[in-house]
Structures are given as structure tokens and as C-alpha cells.
Amino acid sequence: MMEFVNGLVENYKDSPPIPIGSSKKWSVSQLPDFITNSIFIDCTEITDHAKDTAFEEYADRNTPPNSDVILPAPHVGLFVDISNMGANTELPDPKNTNKKSLLLCVPMSEDLPEENFAVLNCYLKEDVLPRVIGGIQTKIMGGIKVKSFVLDKVTQEESSDYQTRVDSSWVRIAAQLLHLVNKPRFVIKKPFGTRQQRRGLNRGGGFAVDAWHKITWNVDKPVSAKDAYDASYHKLPLHFRRGHWRSSEKDQPKSIQRENGGWYTWIEGYWAGHPAFGFKKSYYSPKKGAA
């Protein structure tokens, strides 16, 4: 991850101010500052699980982001490596695409910046510009936070339908990674690399010494469950219980009118079990009309 991130800064530092995405204030030449002021989280170990559960939870693209999708720092870089992922109809085959990328999460509003942010997909390839794929938008409605996924308008105008679908999937995978990162019951955040490596990047690249982290599964003794509905979690392997739509009233802040004309509220999914007892694989099976 360290070499990859440092390579991105080297690629972008001499770039002209080419605008990226719909924001008129962002350009490629600004990315070195964005990156060096970020914290970095190596998500290699949890990416496959986040991908599977994201496709399960967000099979219906009207499903809003989970309330735990929050940036743990003002700028966050999620490092992912899909080299060992199986083929999936929602993402390009890893054999035919860039296998590693940094999902750079950057605030796009001064209001609730940790919950209003864009996701840039950055590849370490000289002829590939960083791609603003979309992000998370949060509004206060009736005193309640209402989240939604958004895709970048300019990026999508220049994209095929297939690429738009891929971008939509990556935004949701980023959301699921953040959801997991913010669950210390299931994952542990550790320093990445040696202290000597971190200090070297601090001196040579301007990165903060404590900016580098690695997320691993928490396979130690499970802590007590705080949620009553998950009282038996310690007896089960980690698995995801997907959310569902519940009929609601039109005037409820989180209500959404669906295709059948009815009004519904999304009941969030959640993780149950514990990684200390293994993992229960989720299988995503897209259904016609679920987009």
C-alpha cells in the first residue's frame, strides 16, 4: 500500500490542473495534497467480504447507505486489491483490469463533511486519470439524517451504461468498507508497515507517521454484544443479515415512493456472529428488475 500511494503522488504532482468530476474546484494537480493529508486503510483482508455483502444489501439500487457509513477522518484512502476476487457480473474481471486502487474519500460539503463525501477511484497508471465515481449525500429532514448514494454527473455523461453500473457498485463497496471499518467488534485497526517505513515516508513524502493503517478481522475473544437482537452472536460465524423495505407513511422523513406507488422505509441490515468463529459466505444472485 505504501509504495502504491507514494506512486500516485509521484504520478499526479506534475499534472496540469485538469478538472475532474462535477466539482469545478477539483483538479488532478490538487490530488497530491488530498492524498498526503489523508489517513490510509489497507482493506485487502476485508474487501472480498465487503463486496459480497454490498451486492446483497444494495441489490435494489434504491437502498440508502447504512447510518454507519461515516468517514473516520477528514480525508480517507481505502486501499483495495481485487487480484484474488472471483469474477462477478457487477465488476470487470480482475484479469482484464487494474487490480489495485485507492478509493479516496473527500468531503464535498462543509455541512456534515464526514457524511457528505465523494469517492475517487485512483489507479496507479500514467494514462488513467482519477475517476470521481460518486459518493454519499446526507441531508437533515425533519430532524433526521437521510442518506443517499449519488453518482457524479459529469463522469456518468462520459461513461457507458456498463461503466456507470461498475461505478455504482464501487461506491457501494466503499460504503460497506466504511461500515466495517467503523465496527470495532468485528475488525481491528493496526499500524501498517514498520515504523522505519512510516518515518521514511514522513521525511520524504510529507505523509503523517500515523497515517498508515491495516484492517484485520477481530479473531480474538468476542466482546459482549450490545444489541439485544444479536444476543446469540458469539455462537455464529460472521454473516450479514440484509435489510428490507417496510411500508410507511408518505410524511415520514425516510419514506421513499417505490415503483408500485406505495411509500416505504428502509430497515437497515446488520452484521451478526463474529469472525472468531469463521465466516458465512453471502451469495449475490441478481434478479431481473432489481436495478
Protein backbone atom coordinates (compact mmCIF):
# COMPACT_ATOMS: atom_id res chain seq x y z
CA MET A 1 0.00 0.00 0.00
CA MET A 2 2.76 2.49 0.92
CA GLU A 3 4.53 2.08 -2.42
CA PHE A 4 1.22 2.32 -4.29
CA VAL A 5 0.13 5.53 -2.55
CA ASN A 6 3.56 7.14 -2.94
CA GLY A 7 3.42 6.21 -6.64
CA LEU A 8 0.08 8.03 -7.00
CA VAL A 9 1.57 11.21 -5.56
CA GLU A 10 4.52 10.97 -7.97
CA ASN A 11 2.14 10.48 -10.91
CA TYR A 12 -0.07 13.43 -10.02
CA LYS A 13 2.40 16.01 -8.66
CA ASP A 14 3.41 17.42 -12.07
CA SER A 15 -0.02 17.13 -13.66
CA PRO A 16 -1.71 20.18 -15.22
CA PRO A 17 -4.89 21.42 -13.49
CA ILE A 18 -7.20 19.11 -15.44
CA PRO A 19 -10.73 19.32 -13.92
CA ILE A 20 -12.13 16.07 -12.58
CA GLY A 21 -15.77 15.28 -11.86
CA SER A 22 -18.62 17.74 -11.48
CA SER A 23 -16.88 19.90 -8.89
CA LYS A 24 -15.30 22.96 -10.53
CA LYS A 25 -12.86 23.29 -7.63
CA TRP A 26 -11.14 19.90 -8.04
CA SER A 27 -8.33 19.11 -10.47
CA VAL A 28 -5.70 16.39 -10.89
CA SER A 29 -2.97 18.75 -9.67
CA GLN A 30 -4.70 19.03 -6.28
CA LEU A 31 -4.66 15.29 -5.62
CA PRO A 32 -1.16 15.12 -4.08
CA ASP A 33 -2.39 17.44 -1.31
CA PHE A 34 -5.58 15.43 -0.87
CA ILE A 35 -3.60 12.20 -0.65
CA THR A 36 -0.81 13.35 1.69
CA ASN A 37 -3.42 14.78 4.08
CA SER A 38 -5.36 11.50 4.22
CA ILE A 39 -5.26 8.55 6.52
CA PHE A 40 -4.84 5.25 4.68
CA ILE A 41 -6.54 1.98 5.47
CA ASP A 42 -5.39 -1.26 3.87
CA CYS A 43 -8.70 -3.08 3.32
CA THR A 44 -7.22 -6.06 1.46
CA GLU A 45 -8.33 -8.59 4.07
CA ILE A 46 -11.96 -7.42 4.21
CA THR A 47 -12.57 -6.32 0.60
CA ASP A 48 -13.99 -9.62 -0.66
CA HIS A 49 -16.45 -9.85 2.23
CA ALA A 50 -17.44 -6.19 1.82
CA LYS A 51 -18.02 -6.78 -1.90
CA ASP A 52 -20.26 -9.81 -1.33
CA THR A 53 -22.36 -8.13 1.36
CA ALA A 54 -22.59 -4.88 -0.63
CA PHE A 55 -24.11 -6.74 -3.59
CA GLU A 56 -26.54 -8.44 -1.20
CA GLU A 57 -27.53 -5.33 0.74
CA TYR A 58 -27.71 -3.00 -2.25
CA ALA A 59 -29.18 -5.34 -4.86
CA ASP A 60 -32.02 -2.82 -5.03
CA ARG A 61 -30.19 0.38 -6.03
CA ASN A 62 -32.80 2.48 -4.17
CA THR A 63 -31.48 1.15 -0.86
CA PRO A 64 -29.90 4.03 1.12
CA PRO A 65 -26.43 3.81 2.72
CA ASN A 66 -26.16 2.43 6.24
CA SER A 67 -26.09 5.01 9.05
CA ASP A 68 -22.57 3.76 9.96
CA VAL A 69 -21.16 4.92 6.61
CA ILE A 70 -19.13 7.79 8.08
CA LEU A 71 -15.59 8.96 7.39
CA PRO A 72 -13.33 8.24 10.40
CA ALA A 73 -11.09 11.19 9.36
CA PRO A 74 -11.47 14.30 7.15
CA HIS A 75 -9.79 12.55 4.17
CA VAL A 76 -9.65 8.76 3.91
CA GLY A 77 -7.93 6.47 1.39
CA LEU A 78 -9.27 2.91 1.24
CA PHE A 79 -6.70 0.65 -0.42
CA VAL A 80 -8.22 -2.34 -2.20
CA ASP A 81 -6.73 -5.25 -4.13
CA ILE A 82 -9.10 -7.37 -6.21
CA SER A 83 -6.39 -9.74 -7.50
CA ASN A 84 -7.89 -12.73 -5.68
CA MET A 85 -11.55 -11.91 -6.20
CA GLY A 86 -13.68 -14.23 -8.23
CA ALA A 87 -15.32 -12.98 -11.41
CA ASN A 88 -18.52 -11.02 -10.86
CA THR A 89 -21.02 -9.60 -13.32
CA GLU A 90 -21.02 -6.29 -11.42
CA LEU A 91 -17.27 -5.63 -11.74
CA PRO A 92 -14.70 -6.10 -14.51
CA ASP A 93 -12.80 -9.38 -14.48
CA PRO A 94 -9.65 -8.84 -12.33
CA LYS A 95 -7.61 -10.48 -15.12
CA ASN A 96 -8.53 -7.67 -17.50
CA THR A 97 -8.33 -4.58 -15.30
CA ASN A 98 -6.22 -2.74 -12.76
CA LYS A 99 -6.10 -4.95 -9.70
CA LYS A 100 -5.23 -2.33 -7.09
CA SER A 101 -6.76 1.06 -6.43
CA LEU A 102 -7.17 3.72 -3.79
CA LEU A 103 -10.76 4.73 -3.09
CA LEU A 104 -10.10 8.29 -1.96
CA CYS A 105 -12.96 9.74 0.10
CA VAL A 106 -13.03 13.56 0.07
CA PRO A 107 -15.64 15.82 1.75
CA MET A 108 -17.87 17.66 -0.72
CA SER A 109 -19.75 19.84 1.76
CA GLU A 110 -18.99 21.89 4.86
CA ASP A 111 -22.22 20.60 6.38
CA LEU A 112 -21.68 17.15 7.90
CA PRO A 113 -18.45 16.66 5.88
CA GLU A 114 -17.88 13.19 7.34
CA GLU A 115 -21.24 12.12 5.88
CA ASN A 116 -21.19 14.12 2.63
CA PHE A 117 -18.22 12.96 0.59
CA ALA A 118 -17.14 11.99 -2.89
CA VAL A 119 -15.30 8.78 -3.79
CA LEU A 120 -12.45 8.99 -6.30
CA ASN A 121 -11.14 5.76 -7.80
CA CYS A 122 -7.36 6.22 -8.26
CA TYR A 123 -5.29 3.71 -10.26
CA LEU A 124 -1.50 3.64 -10.46
CA LYS A 125 -1.30 4.00 -14.21
CA GLU A 126 0.09 7.02 -16.04
CA ASP A 127 -2.56 7.15 -18.77
CA VAL A 128 -5.55 6.74 -16.40
CA LEU A 129 -6.94 9.85 -14.70
CA PRO A 130 -8.52 9.58 -11.24
CA ARG A 131 -12.22 8.96 -11.61
CA VAL A 132 -14.83 10.71 -9.47
CA ILE A 133 -17.36 7.89 -9.36
CA GLY A 134 -19.91 9.30 -6.92
CA GLY A 135 -20.36 9.48 -3.20
CA ILE A 136 -22.62 9.71 -0.17
CA GLN A 137 -25.06 12.56 0.36
CA THR A 138 -26.66 13.24 3.75
CA LYS A 139 -29.45 15.74 4.41
CA ILE A 140 -31.32 16.68 7.58
CA MET A 141 -35.04 16.22 7.01
CA GLY A 142 -37.48 16.60 9.87
CA GLY A 143 -34.57 16.42 12.30
CA ILE A 144 -33.47 13.05 10.86
CA LYS A 145 -30.38 12.29 8.79
CA VAL A 146 -31.38 10.88 5.42
CA LYS A 147 -28.57 9.33 3.35
CA SER A 148 -28.44 8.53 -0.34
CA PHE A 149 -25.95 7.34 -2.93
CA VAL A 150 -25.10 9.76 -5.74
CA LEU A 151 -23.13 9.31 -8.96
CA ASP A 152 -21.00 12.09 -10.40
CA LYS A 153 -22.96 13.76 -13.20
CA VAL A 154 -20.04 14.74 -15.46
CA THR A 155 -18.34 11.36 -15.10
CA GLN A 156 -21.52 9.48 -15.99
CA GLU A 157 -22.25 11.67 -19.02
CA GLU A 158 -18.95 10.43 -20.44
CA SER A 159 -19.50 6.79 -19.49
CA SER A 160 -21.16 3.76 -21.00
CA ASP A 161 -24.10 2.13 -19.22
CA TYR A 162 -21.80 -0.68 -18.17
CA GLN A 163 -19.20 1.67 -16.69
CA THR A 164 -21.94 3.54 -14.83
CA ARG A 165 -23.03 0.24 -13.31
CA VAL A 166 -19.43 -0.52 -12.30
CA ASP A 167 -19.08 2.94 -10.69
CA SER A 168 -22.34 2.42 -8.83
CA SER A 169 -21.03 -0.90 -7.48
CA TRP A 170 -17.72 0.62 -6.35
CA VAL A 171 -19.47 3.42 -4.43
CA ARG A 172 -21.47 0.79 -2.57
CA ILE A 173 -18.39 -1.33 -1.88
CA ALA A 174 -16.68 1.77 -0.46
CA ALA A 175 -19.72 2.33 1.76
CA GLN A 176 -19.61 -1.26 3.00
CA LEU A 177 -15.87 -0.98 3.72
CA LEU A 178 -16.50 2.12 5.84
CA HIS A 179 -19.38 0.34 7.55
CA LEU A 180 -16.99 -2.45 8.55
CA VAL A 181 -14.12 -0.12 9.47
CA ASN A 182 -16.49 1.59 11.92
CA LYS A 183 -17.33 -1.74 13.62
CA PRO A 184 -14.52 -2.45 16.13
CA ARG A 185 -16.39 -5.52 17.33
CA PHE A 186 -15.53 -7.22 14.04
CA VAL A 187 -12.29 -5.61 12.86
CA ILE A 188 -9.05 -4.35 14.38
CA LYS A 189 -7.12 -1.33 13.12
CA LYS A 190 -3.34 -1.83 13.32
CA PRO A 191 -0.35 0.27 12.19
CA PHE A 192 0.73 -0.62 8.64
CA GLY A 193 4.36 -1.32 7.78
CA THR A 194 7.34 -0.82 10.04
CA ARG A 195 7.94 2.36 12.00
CA GLN A 196 11.07 2.91 9.91
CA GLN A 197 8.97 2.80 6.71
CA ARG A 198 6.41 5.20 8.14
CA ARG A 199 9.09 7.66 9.26
CA GLY A 200 10.76 7.42 5.85
CA LEU A 201 7.54 8.42 4.08
CA ASN A 202 7.08 11.20 6.61
CA ARG A 203 10.50 12.65 5.76
CA GLY A 204 10.46 12.03 2.02
CA GLY A 205 6.82 12.38 1.05
CA GLY A 206 5.22 14.57 3.69
CA PHE A 207 2.91 11.82 4.96
CA ALA A 208 2.00 11.79 8.64
CA VAL A 209 3.78 9.00 10.54
CA ASP A 210 0.49 7.73 11.96
CA ALA A 211 -1.44 7.92 8.67
CA TRP A 212 -0.97 4.25 7.77
CA HIS A 213 -3.36 1.55 8.99
CA LYS A 214 -4.30 -2.03 8.20
CA ILE A 215 -7.68 -3.54 8.95
CA THR A 216 -7.77 -7.18 10.03
CA TRP A 217 -10.58 -9.36 11.28
CA ASN A 218 -11.01 -9.45 15.03
CA VAL A 219 -10.43 -13.15 15.78
CA ASP A 220 -9.73 -12.66 19.47
CA LYS A 221 -12.22 -13.47 22.21
CA PRO A 222 -15.54 -11.86 21.18
CA VAL A 223 -16.69 -8.90 23.22
CA SER A 224 -20.20 -8.75 24.63
CA ALA A 225 -22.97 -7.90 22.22
CA LYS A 226 -24.58 -4.53 22.84
CA ASP A 227 -27.65 -5.15 20.68
CA ALA A 228 -30.43 -7.24 22.12
CA TYR A 229 -31.36 -8.71 18.74
CA ASP A 230 -27.83 -10.10 18.42
CA ALA A 231 -27.60 -11.77 21.83
CA SER A 232 -26.52 -15.10 20.31
CA TYR A 233 -23.86 -13.56 18.04
CA HIS A 234 -20.99 -15.34 19.78
CA LYS A 235 -22.31 -18.75 18.71
CA LEU A 236 -22.30 -17.98 14.99
CA PRO A 237 -19.77 -17.24 12.23
CA LEU A 238 -19.82 -13.66 10.94
CA HIS A 239 -22.61 -13.11 8.43
CA PHE A 240 -24.74 -10.28 7.12
CA ARG A 241 -28.47 -10.05 7.69
CA ARG A 242 -29.73 -7.97 4.84
CA GLY A 243 -32.11 -5.06 5.29
CA HIS A 244 -35.64 -4.84 3.96
CA TRP A 245 -38.32 -2.34 2.96
CA ARG A 246 -41.24 -1.77 5.33
CA SER A 247 -44.45 0.01 4.35
CA SER A 248 -44.65 3.51 5.75
CA GLU A 249 -46.50 6.81 5.57
CA LYS A 250 -45.76 9.49 2.99
CA ASP A 251 -44.94 12.15 5.60
CA GLN A 252 -42.23 10.07 7.31
CA PRO A 253 -38.80 11.70 6.65
CA LYS A 254 -37.15 8.48 5.45
CA SER A 255 -40.07 7.33 3.31
CA ILE A 256 -39.43 6.66 -0.37
CA GLN A 257 -42.10 6.13 -3.03
CA ARG A 258 -41.36 2.95 -4.91
CA GLU A 259 -42.40 1.62 -8.32
CA ASN A 260 -45.76 0.32 -7.08
CA GLY A 261 -46.74 3.79 -5.86
CA GLY A 262 -46.52 2.87 -2.18
CA TRP A 263 -44.35 4.57 0.44
CA TYR A 264 -41.68 2.57 2.22
CA THR A 265 -38.91 3.00 4.82
CA TRP A 266 -35.66 1.05 4.64
CA ILE A 267 -34.83 -1.09 7.70
CA GLU A 268 -31.05 -1.38 7.81
CA GLY A 269 -29.20 -4.65 7.54
CA TYR A 270 -26.55 -5.58 10.09
CA TRP A 271 -23.74 -7.99 10.80
CA ALA A 272 -24.29 -10.85 13.21
CA GLY A 273 -21.99 -13.55 14.54
CA HIS A 274 -18.28 -12.99 14.98
CA PRO A 275 -15.19 -13.57 12.79
CA ALA A 276 -13.55 -15.56 15.59
CA PHE A 277 -15.94 -18.35 14.60
CA GLY A 278 -15.40 -18.12 10.85
CA PHE A 279 -17.41 -16.59 8.05
CA LYS A 280 -20.69 -17.48 6.45
CA LYS A 281 -20.43 -16.76 2.74
CA SER A 282 -23.03 -14.47 1.18
CA TYR A 283 -24.12 -15.28 -2.34
CA TYR A 284 -25.30 -12.49 -4.57
CA SER A 285 -27.82 -13.52 -7.16
CA PRO A 286 -29.09 -10.51 -9.13
CA LYS A 287 -32.72 -10.62 -10.14
CA LYS A 288 -34.25 -9.02 -13.19
CA GLY A 289 -35.67 -5.62 -12.38
CA ALA A 290 -33.60 -5.16 -9.21
CA ALA A 291 -31.58 -2.24 -10.59
